[in-house]
Amino acid sequence: MDDVVDLLGRWASGRGPLCLLLTTRLRALIDDGILPPGEPPPPPRPARLPAHAARLPSAES
């Protein structure tokens, strides 16, 4: 399951809601036997903020 991102490819480059595009791609990978049904998804990655967003302004202005 380490290659899920690679297997998904450019799933978001289509037209339509992202949730449907992702669901369609995952279903295709399962139907093709690449991802076994019932396989748990990889753990979520921590959100990465841009460097400027990580610095909060001081309340003492």
Protein backbone atom coordinates (compact mmCIF):
# COMPACT_ATOMS: atom_id res chain seq x y z
CA MET A 1 0.00 0.00 0.00
CA ASP A 2 3.08 2.23 0.00
CA ASP A 3 2.49 3.06 -3.65
CA VAL A 4 -1.11 4.24 -3.35
CA VAL A 5 -0.21 7.76 -4.39
CA ASP A 6 1.68 6.41 -7.40
CA LEU A 7 -1.16 4.02 -8.25
CA LEU A 8 -3.73 6.80 -8.11
CA GLY A 9 -1.79 8.77 -10.69
CA ARG A 10 -3.37 12.04 -11.81
CA TRP A 11 -6.83 11.24 -10.49
CA ALA A 12 -7.61 14.91 -9.76
CA SER A 13 -6.96 16.11 -13.31
CA GLY A 14 -10.43 15.13 -14.54
CA ARG A 15 -13.62 17.15 -14.46
CA GLY A 16 -16.09 16.98 -11.63
CA PRO A 17 -16.07 16.89 -7.85
CA LEU A 18 -12.77 15.64 -6.42
CA CYS A 19 -14.55 13.16 -4.15
CA LEU A 20 -16.12 11.47 -7.17
CA LEU A 21 -12.88 11.48 -9.15
CA LEU A 22 -11.03 9.84 -6.25
CA THR A 23 -13.80 7.30 -5.69
CA THR A 24 -13.83 6.41 -9.38
CA ARG A 25 -10.06 5.89 -9.46
CA LEU A 26 -10.04 3.80 -6.27
CA ARG A 27 -12.91 1.67 -7.61
CA ALA A 28 -10.98 1.08 -10.84
CA LEU A 29 -7.89 -0.02 -8.89
CA ILE A 30 -10.01 -2.42 -6.83
CA ASP A 31 -11.88 -3.76 -9.89
CA ASP A 32 -8.57 -4.34 -11.68
CA GLY A 33 -7.27 -6.33 -8.70
CA ILE A 34 -4.50 -3.84 -7.95
CA LEU A 35 -5.91 -2.85 -4.54
CA PRO A 36 -7.57 -5.65 -2.57
CA PRO A 37 -11.09 -4.89 -1.34
CA GLY A 38 -11.16 -4.10 2.36
CA GLU A 39 -7.55 -2.91 2.44
CA PRO A 40 -7.28 -0.11 4.99
CA PRO A 41 -6.19 3.27 3.66
CA PRO A 42 -2.79 4.63 4.57
CA PRO A 43 -2.66 6.79 7.70
CA PRO A 44 -3.34 10.48 7.08
CA ARG A 45 -0.36 12.74 6.68
CA PRO A 46 -0.06 15.76 8.91
CA ALA A 47 -1.12 18.95 7.20
CA ARG A 48 1.78 21.05 6.01
CA LEU A 49 1.42 24.78 6.25
CA PRO A 50 3.48 27.19 4.21
CA ALA A 51 6.29 28.70 6.28
CA HIS A 52 4.59 32.09 6.50
CA ALA A 53 1.33 30.52 7.72
CA ALA A 54 3.09 28.68 10.53
CA ARG A 55 4.13 31.96 12.17
CA LEU A 56 1.29 33.55 14.03
CA PRO A 57 1.25 37.29 14.55
CA SER A 58 1.77 38.51 18.07
CA ALA A 59 -1.30 39.62 20.00
CA GLU A 60 0.79 42.49 21.39
CA SER A 61 0.65 44.95 18.51
